[in-house]
Amino acid sequence: MIRFPAEWEPQSAVIIAWPHASGDFRNLSSVEDSYHFIVSTISAYQPLVIICKDGEHQQHIQAQFTAPNPNLHFVQAAYNDIWVRDTVFISLEWQHPKAALQLANFRFNGWGNKYPHADDDGLNLALFAHPIFKGFPTATVDLVLEGGSVESDGQGTVMTTKNCLFNPNRNPDLGETAIAGQVQNYLGAKRILWVEQTNLAGDDTDAHIDTLARFCDAGTIAYTSCDDSEDPHFASLKNMETQLQAFRTEAGQPYKLVALPLPKPIYDEDGQRLPANYANFLLINGAVLVPVYDDAMDALALERLAACFPDRKAVAVPCRPLVHQYGSLHCASMQVPAFVKLNF
């Protein structure tokens, strides 16, 4: 039996990959400022694994943290981009005679062959060989699947979007029924909530669920909403809201829905709107980290997510620099559940 844990369950660590000069960020300094904040915040609560390019890159990162921090751990590996939500393994609880858990390495193809991705696709094999991760049962799965495209309530319900999982740029040789079967098989999904929703402007993931709708507990979904009828997102997000209202829990009850506003549009240097949203929050032990964008809606998003997680501290994390590369806080991180007792 396979169980895909919920993100609010206890964690042993969070994994990030530090941005580097050979990446796509035009303003690396401002992105590193955000990463400094992210690292300082997460490591105050729990261990953090930082993937870096090589020894020189590691020294560059360590120089930014002068005080010794036993919660920081480094892994040197090749990677194309920093969006580890989609490239790092998914941790599954796997009840099997010979193993109690599984680190699942799904294929990664650069969000439908949009970007170079050979190093990202090979990242998990490098992690599995590292002492921190060595010795755990692993599986390499011949299915393109990104962590940001699937949400779990930890009880057998997976929420995802048809727009991403059924996109022919992911698994062109599989039909919709086969893909749904693979999700059920590999993630232990008893049922799948399928959202039909186009991507936010500037989002190049083909509508990852973690930019749109997130489980806060088994009966609550926080979702990206839009009340501005002049905004191009208005009609599609209202349509998504209607779909969420029709969803039912496994017990047959409607979900409690928590609307997260859109910040005012943010544009890049070329005039393209960027996919800033608050659904891309990150849960860690004792806190909910909320991406903020120097926007008037930041406070409302913080307030609503704090109410969803009353036993956690709500922390605002500056993510405006990250969104210039089309992602945000959740996209840039991957949690490892506590039942994976990493070798620190």
Protein backbone atom coordinates (compact mmCIF):
# COMPACT_ATOMS: atom_id res chain seq x y z
CA MET A 1 0.00 0.00 0.00
CA ILE A 2 1.27 3.48 -0.93
CA ARG A 3 0.39 6.71 0.88
CA PHE A 4 1.21 10.18 -0.44
CA PRO A 5 1.57 12.25 2.76
CA ALA A 6 0.04 15.67 3.24
CA GLU A 7 2.41 18.61 3.51
CA TRP A 8 1.18 19.58 6.98
CA GLU A 9 2.53 16.36 8.43
CA PRO A 10 5.78 16.53 10.47
CA GLN A 11 8.91 16.96 8.38
CA SER A 12 12.53 15.87 8.70
CA ALA A 13 13.81 18.57 6.33
CA VAL A 14 13.14 20.93 3.44
CA ILE A 15 15.26 20.85 0.27
CA ILE A 16 16.12 23.89 -1.85
CA ALA A 17 18.61 24.57 -4.66
CA TRP A 18 20.55 27.81 -4.41
CA PRO A 19 20.36 30.05 -7.52
CA HIS A 20 23.57 30.40 -9.48
CA ALA A 21 25.11 32.70 -12.06
CA SER A 22 24.56 30.26 -14.91
CA GLY A 23 20.80 30.27 -14.24
CA ASP A 24 18.15 32.49 -15.79
CA PHE A 25 17.73 35.19 -13.15
CA ARG A 26 18.67 38.64 -14.42
CA ASN A 27 19.02 40.10 -10.93
CA LEU A 28 20.79 37.35 -9.00
CA SER A 29 21.56 39.58 -6.03
CA SER A 30 17.91 40.26 -5.19
CA VAL A 31 17.06 36.57 -5.59
CA GLU A 32 19.88 35.64 -3.22
CA ASP A 33 18.48 38.13 -0.70
CA SER A 34 15.18 36.25 -0.82
CA TYR A 35 17.01 32.94 -0.45
CA HIS A 36 18.93 34.25 2.54
CA PHE A 37 15.59 35.04 4.19
CA ILE A 38 14.15 31.65 3.24
CA VAL A 39 17.17 29.76 4.58
CA SER A 40 17.30 31.73 7.82
CA THR A 41 13.58 31.22 8.40
CA ILE A 42 13.33 27.49 7.62
CA SER A 43 16.54 26.58 9.47
CA ALA A 44 15.19 28.24 12.60
CA TYR A 45 12.50 25.52 12.67
CA GLN A 46 14.09 22.41 11.15
CA PRO A 47 16.93 21.01 9.02
CA LEU A 48 17.40 22.41 5.53
CA VAL A 49 19.28 20.75 2.66
CA ILE A 50 20.82 23.23 0.22
CA ILE A 51 21.77 21.86 -3.19
CA CYS A 52 24.66 23.80 -4.72
CA LYS A 53 26.73 23.47 -7.88
CA ASP A 54 30.20 22.74 -6.48
CA GLY A 55 32.64 23.59 -3.71
CA GLU A 56 33.09 27.18 -4.81
CA HIS A 57 29.34 27.70 -4.93
CA GLN A 58 28.98 26.18 -1.46
CA GLN A 59 31.63 28.51 -0.05
CA HIS A 60 29.85 31.47 -1.64
CA ILE A 61 26.61 30.45 0.11
CA GLN A 62 28.22 29.69 3.46
CA ALA A 63 29.92 33.09 3.46
CA GLN A 64 26.44 34.64 3.68
CA PHE A 65 25.73 32.84 6.95
CA THR A 66 28.46 33.74 9.41
CA ALA A 67 27.03 32.07 12.52
CA PRO A 68 27.33 28.27 12.73
CA ASN A 69 24.01 26.63 11.94
CA PRO A 70 23.70 22.89 12.60
CA ASN A 71 20.44 22.81 10.61
CA LEU A 72 22.15 23.64 7.29
CA HIS A 73 23.33 20.74 5.15
CA PHE A 74 24.86 20.97 1.68
CA VAL A 75 24.75 18.65 -1.31
CA GLN A 76 26.82 19.40 -4.40
CA ALA A 77 25.15 18.33 -7.65
CA ALA A 78 24.50 19.50 -11.20
CA TYR A 79 21.15 21.16 -11.83
CA ASN A 80 19.64 23.38 -14.50
CA ASP A 81 17.17 25.33 -12.41
CA ILE A 82 16.10 25.94 -8.82
CA TRP A 83 12.52 24.68 -8.96
CA VAL A 84 13.05 21.57 -6.85
CA ARG A 85 9.33 21.10 -6.22
CA ASP A 86 9.27 19.63 -9.72
CA THR A 87 12.69 17.98 -9.92
CA VAL A 88 13.36 16.47 -6.48
CA PHE A 89 11.86 13.09 -5.52
CA ILE A 90 8.40 12.72 -4.01
CA SER A 91 8.42 10.94 -0.64
CA LEU A 92 5.84 8.18 -0.30
CA GLU A 93 4.96 5.99 2.65
CA TRP A 94 5.07 2.51 1.23
CA GLN A 95 3.94 -0.47 3.28
CA HIS A 96 5.78 -3.42 1.81
CA PRO A 97 7.38 -6.56 3.33
CA LYS A 98 10.86 -5.26 2.50
CA ALA A 99 10.45 -1.49 2.84
CA ALA A 100 8.45 1.08 4.79
CA LEU A 101 8.94 4.08 2.53
CA GLN A 102 9.92 5.07 -0.97
CA LEU A 103 11.64 8.03 -2.59
CA ALA A 104 10.04 8.23 -6.03
CA ASN A 105 12.07 9.64 -8.92
CA PHE A 106 9.62 10.64 -11.64
CA ARG A 107 10.91 11.79 -15.02
CA PHE A 108 11.28 15.52 -15.61
CA ASN A 109 11.20 16.97 -19.11
CA GLY A 110 11.49 20.71 -18.52
CA TRP A 111 7.73 21.32 -18.22
CA GLY A 112 7.05 19.87 -21.64
CA ASN A 113 10.48 20.38 -23.22
CA LYS A 114 10.36 24.16 -22.76
CA TYR A 115 13.84 24.38 -21.22
CA PRO A 116 17.12 22.43 -20.99
CA HIS A 117 16.59 19.80 -18.31
CA ALA A 118 19.15 16.98 -18.52
CA ASP A 119 20.77 17.85 -15.18
CA ASP A 120 17.41 18.39 -13.48
CA ASP A 121 16.17 15.03 -14.74
CA GLY A 122 19.29 13.39 -13.31
CA LEU A 123 19.27 15.27 -10.00
CA ASN A 124 17.55 12.58 -7.96
CA LEU A 125 20.13 9.94 -8.83
CA ALA A 126 22.81 12.32 -7.53
CA LEU A 127 20.82 12.85 -4.34
CA PHE A 128 20.24 9.13 -3.82
CA ALA A 129 24.02 8.59 -3.96
CA HIS A 130 24.71 11.26 -1.32
CA PRO A 131 25.23 10.13 2.30
CA ILE A 132 22.24 12.19 3.49
CA PHE A 133 19.83 10.20 1.31
CA LYS A 134 21.70 6.94 0.83
CA GLY A 135 20.17 3.69 1.97
CA PHE A 136 16.50 4.52 1.56
CA PRO A 137 14.32 2.49 -0.81
CA THR A 138 14.02 4.38 -4.09
CA ALA A 139 12.16 3.90 -7.34
CA THR A 140 12.66 5.51 -10.74
CA VAL A 141 9.30 5.79 -12.48
CA ASP A 142 8.90 6.07 -16.25
CA LEU A 143 6.30 8.81 -16.01
CA VAL A 144 6.72 12.57 -16.39
CA LEU A 145 5.25 14.06 -13.22
CA GLU A 146 6.15 17.22 -11.32
CA GLY A 147 5.59 17.65 -7.59
CA GLY A 148 3.94 21.02 -8.10
CA SER A 149 1.25 19.39 -10.22
CA VAL A 150 -0.20 17.19 -7.47
CA GLU A 151 -1.73 17.97 -4.06
CA SER A 152 -2.47 15.32 -1.42
CA ASP A 153 -4.65 15.33 1.69
CA GLY A 154 -2.64 12.41 3.09
CA GLN A 155 -5.76 10.24 3.13
CA GLY A 156 -5.88 9.06 -0.46
CA THR A 157 -7.27 12.13 -2.24
CA VAL A 158 -5.08 13.80 -4.87
CA MET A 159 -5.99 17.11 -6.49
CA THR A 160 -4.48 18.10 -9.82
CA THR A 161 -5.26 19.80 -13.12
CA LYS A 162 -6.21 18.16 -16.38
CA ASN A 163 -4.43 21.01 -18.16
CA CYS A 164 -1.05 19.83 -16.88
CA LEU A 165 -1.30 16.07 -16.45
CA PHE A 166 -3.15 15.47 -19.72
CA ASN A 167 -1.01 17.89 -21.70
CA PRO A 168 0.50 15.94 -24.63
CA ASN A 169 3.88 17.58 -23.93
CA ARG A 170 4.27 15.43 -20.79
CA ASN A 171 3.38 11.81 -21.60
CA PRO A 172 2.35 11.79 -25.27
CA ASP A 173 2.17 7.99 -25.47
CA LEU A 174 -0.40 7.72 -22.67
CA GLY A 175 -4.11 8.51 -22.86
CA GLU A 176 -6.08 10.22 -20.11
CA THR A 177 -7.29 6.97 -18.57
CA ALA A 178 -3.76 5.56 -18.48
CA ILE A 179 -2.35 8.71 -16.89
CA ALA A 180 -5.06 8.70 -14.22
CA GLY A 181 -4.29 5.04 -13.56
CA GLN A 182 -0.58 5.81 -13.17
CA VAL A 183 -1.34 8.56 -10.63
CA GLN A 184 -3.52 6.16 -8.67
CA ASN A 185 -0.92 3.42 -8.89
CA TYR A 186 2.24 5.35 -8.03
CA LEU A 187 0.78 7.89 -5.57
CA GLY A 188 -1.69 5.54 -3.90
CA ALA A 189 -4.61 7.80 -4.85
CA LYS A 190 -8.02 6.39 -4.00
CA ARG A 191 -9.63 9.27 -5.83
CA ILE A 192 -8.54 12.26 -7.92
CA LEU A 193 -10.09 15.71 -7.92
CA TRP A 194 -9.58 16.97 -11.48
CA VAL A 195 -9.52 20.74 -11.90
CA GLU A 196 -9.95 22.15 -15.39
CA GLN A 197 -8.14 25.47 -15.32
CA THR A 198 -5.73 27.33 -17.56
CA ASN A 199 -2.46 28.62 -16.16
CA LEU A 200 -1.97 32.04 -14.63
CA ALA A 201 -0.36 34.57 -16.97
CA GLY A 202 3.38 33.95 -17.08
CA ASP A 203 3.13 30.45 -15.60
CA ASP A 204 5.04 28.03 -17.83
CA THR A 205 4.02 24.84 -15.99
CA ASP A 206 0.73 24.41 -17.87
CA ALA A 207 -1.31 25.16 -14.74
CA HIS A 208 0.32 23.48 -11.77
CA ILE A 209 -2.16 22.99 -8.97
CA ASP A 210 0.21 24.63 -6.44
CA THR A 211 -0.43 28.01 -8.08
CA LEU A 212 -4.20 27.51 -7.99
CA ALA A 213 -5.61 25.39 -5.15
CA ARG A 214 -4.05 23.79 -2.08
CA PHE A 215 -5.25 21.50 0.69
CA CYS A 216 -4.92 23.11 4.14
CA ASP A 217 -6.41 20.05 5.84
CA ALA A 218 -8.52 17.15 4.64
CA GLY A 219 -11.61 19.38 4.54
CA THR A 220 -10.21 22.79 3.54
CA ILE A 221 -8.93 24.14 0.21
CA ALA A 222 -7.28 27.54 -0.18
CA TYR A 223 -7.44 28.81 -3.75
CA THR A 224 -6.42 31.65 -6.00
CA SER A 225 -9.36 33.97 -6.58
CA CYS A 226 -10.04 37.15 -8.51
CA ASP A 227 -12.74 39.75 -7.79
CA ASP A 228 -11.62 42.27 -10.40
CA SER A 229 -13.88 41.81 -13.42
CA GLU A 230 -11.37 43.75 -15.53
CA ASP A 231 -8.60 41.26 -14.83
CA PRO A 232 -8.06 38.71 -17.64
CA HIS A 233 -8.04 35.95 -14.99
CA PHE A 234 -11.50 36.84 -13.68
CA ALA A 235 -13.69 34.47 -15.70
CA SER A 236 -11.41 31.43 -15.55
CA LEU A 237 -10.79 31.73 -11.80
CA LYS A 238 -14.54 32.11 -11.17
CA ASN A 239 -15.01 28.93 -13.20
CA MET A 240 -12.40 27.18 -11.06
CA GLU A 241 -14.15 28.42 -7.92
CA THR A 242 -17.39 26.82 -9.16
CA GLN A 243 -15.56 23.52 -9.66
CA LEU A 244 -14.10 23.65 -6.16
CA GLN A 245 -17.56 24.34 -4.73
CA ALA A 246 -18.79 21.15 -6.40
CA PHE A 247 -16.01 18.98 -4.98
CA ARG A 248 -16.80 16.78 -1.99
CA THR A 249 -14.63 15.24 0.70
CA GLU A 250 -14.37 11.49 0.92
CA ALA A 251 -17.17 11.68 3.51
CA GLY A 252 -19.38 13.50 1.01
CA GLN A 253 -19.16 16.97 2.56
CA PRO A 254 -18.40 20.20 0.66
CA TYR A 255 -14.92 21.58 1.25
CA LYS A 256 -14.40 24.72 3.28
CA LEU A 257 -13.03 27.12 0.68
CA VAL A 258 -10.63 29.95 1.54
CA ALA A 259 -10.19 32.57 -1.18
CA LEU A 260 -6.70 33.99 -1.64
CA PRO A 261 -6.65 37.26 -3.59
CA LEU A 262 -4.41 37.96 -6.53
CA PRO A 263 -1.80 40.66 -5.99
CA LYS A 264 -1.78 43.54 -8.42
CA PRO A 265 -0.19 42.49 -11.72
CA ILE A 266 3.61 42.32 -11.72
CA TYR A 267 5.38 42.57 -15.06
CA ASP A 268 8.89 41.65 -16.14
CA GLU A 269 11.32 43.83 -18.07
CA ASP A 270 9.70 42.72 -21.33
CA GLY A 271 6.19 43.64 -20.24
CA GLN A 272 5.03 40.06 -19.60
CA ARG A 273 2.77 39.52 -16.62
CA LEU A 274 4.28 37.24 -13.98
CA PRO A 275 2.39 34.49 -12.10
CA ALA A 276 2.43 36.02 -8.62
CA ASN A 277 0.00 34.24 -6.29
CA TYR A 278 -0.43 33.32 -2.63
CA ALA A 279 -1.44 29.68 -3.16
CA ASN A 280 2.28 28.93 -3.47
CA PHE A 281 2.73 28.90 0.32
CA LEU A 282 5.04 26.44 2.09
CA LEU A 283 4.29 24.45 5.23
CA ILE A 284 7.14 23.62 7.60
CA ASN A 285 7.22 22.39 11.19
CA GLY A 286 5.56 25.10 13.26
CA ALA A 287 5.06 27.69 10.51
CA VAL A 288 3.30 28.51 7.26
CA LEU A 289 5.53 30.56 4.97
CA VAL A 290 3.50 32.87 2.75
CA PRO A 291 4.97 34.41 -0.41
CA VAL A 292 4.53 38.18 -0.49
CA TYR A 293 5.11 40.68 -3.28
CA ASP A 294 5.16 44.19 -1.75
CA ASP A 295 1.46 44.38 -2.50
CA ALA A 296 -1.56 45.62 -0.59
CA MET A 297 -3.06 42.11 -0.73
CA ASP A 298 -0.11 40.57 1.15
CA ALA A 299 -1.70 41.28 4.54
CA LEU A 300 -5.04 39.72 3.59
CA ALA A 301 -3.37 36.58 2.25
CA LEU A 302 -1.31 36.29 5.45
CA GLU A 303 -4.42 36.72 7.59
CA ARG A 304 -6.42 34.09 5.73
CA LEU A 305 -3.65 31.50 5.66
CA ALA A 306 -2.84 32.13 9.33
CA ALA A 307 -6.47 31.29 10.12
CA CYS A 308 -6.13 28.03 8.15
CA PHE A 309 -3.14 26.99 10.28
CA PRO A 310 -3.85 28.32 13.80
CA ASP A 311 -1.16 26.11 15.34
CA ARG A 312 1.57 27.57 13.11
CA LYS A 313 3.23 30.95 12.87
CA ALA A 314 2.45 32.78 9.61
CA VAL A 315 5.65 34.23 8.14
CA ALA A 316 5.75 36.59 5.16
CA VAL A 317 8.52 35.64 2.73
CA PRO A 318 9.64 38.15 0.07
CA CYS A 319 9.16 36.44 -3.30
CA ARG A 320 8.88 39.26 -5.80
CA PRO A 321 12.40 38.48 -7.17
CA LEU A 322 11.54 34.77 -7.55
CA VAL A 323 8.43 35.39 -9.59
CA HIS A 324 10.58 37.05 -12.25
CA GLN A 325 11.61 33.52 -13.17
CA TYR A 326 7.95 32.38 -13.17
CA GLY A 327 7.88 30.59 -9.82
CA SER A 328 7.50 31.28 -6.13
CA LEU A 329 8.14 29.82 -2.68
CA HIS A 330 6.48 26.40 -2.95
CA CYS A 331 7.96 25.86 -6.42
CA ALA A 332 11.45 26.47 -5.01
CA SER A 333 11.21 23.94 -2.17
CA MET A 334 10.45 20.29 -1.42
CA GLN A 335 9.65 18.94 2.03
CA VAL A 336 10.77 15.53 3.26
CA PRO A 337 8.33 13.96 5.74
CA ALA A 338 9.50 12.95 9.19
CA PHE A 339 9.15 9.22 8.51
CA VAL A 340 12.14 9.63 6.15
CA LYS A 341 14.81 9.89 8.81
CA LEU A 342 17.61 11.50 6.84
CA ASN A 343 21.25 10.79 7.64
CA PHE A 344 22.33 14.03 9.29
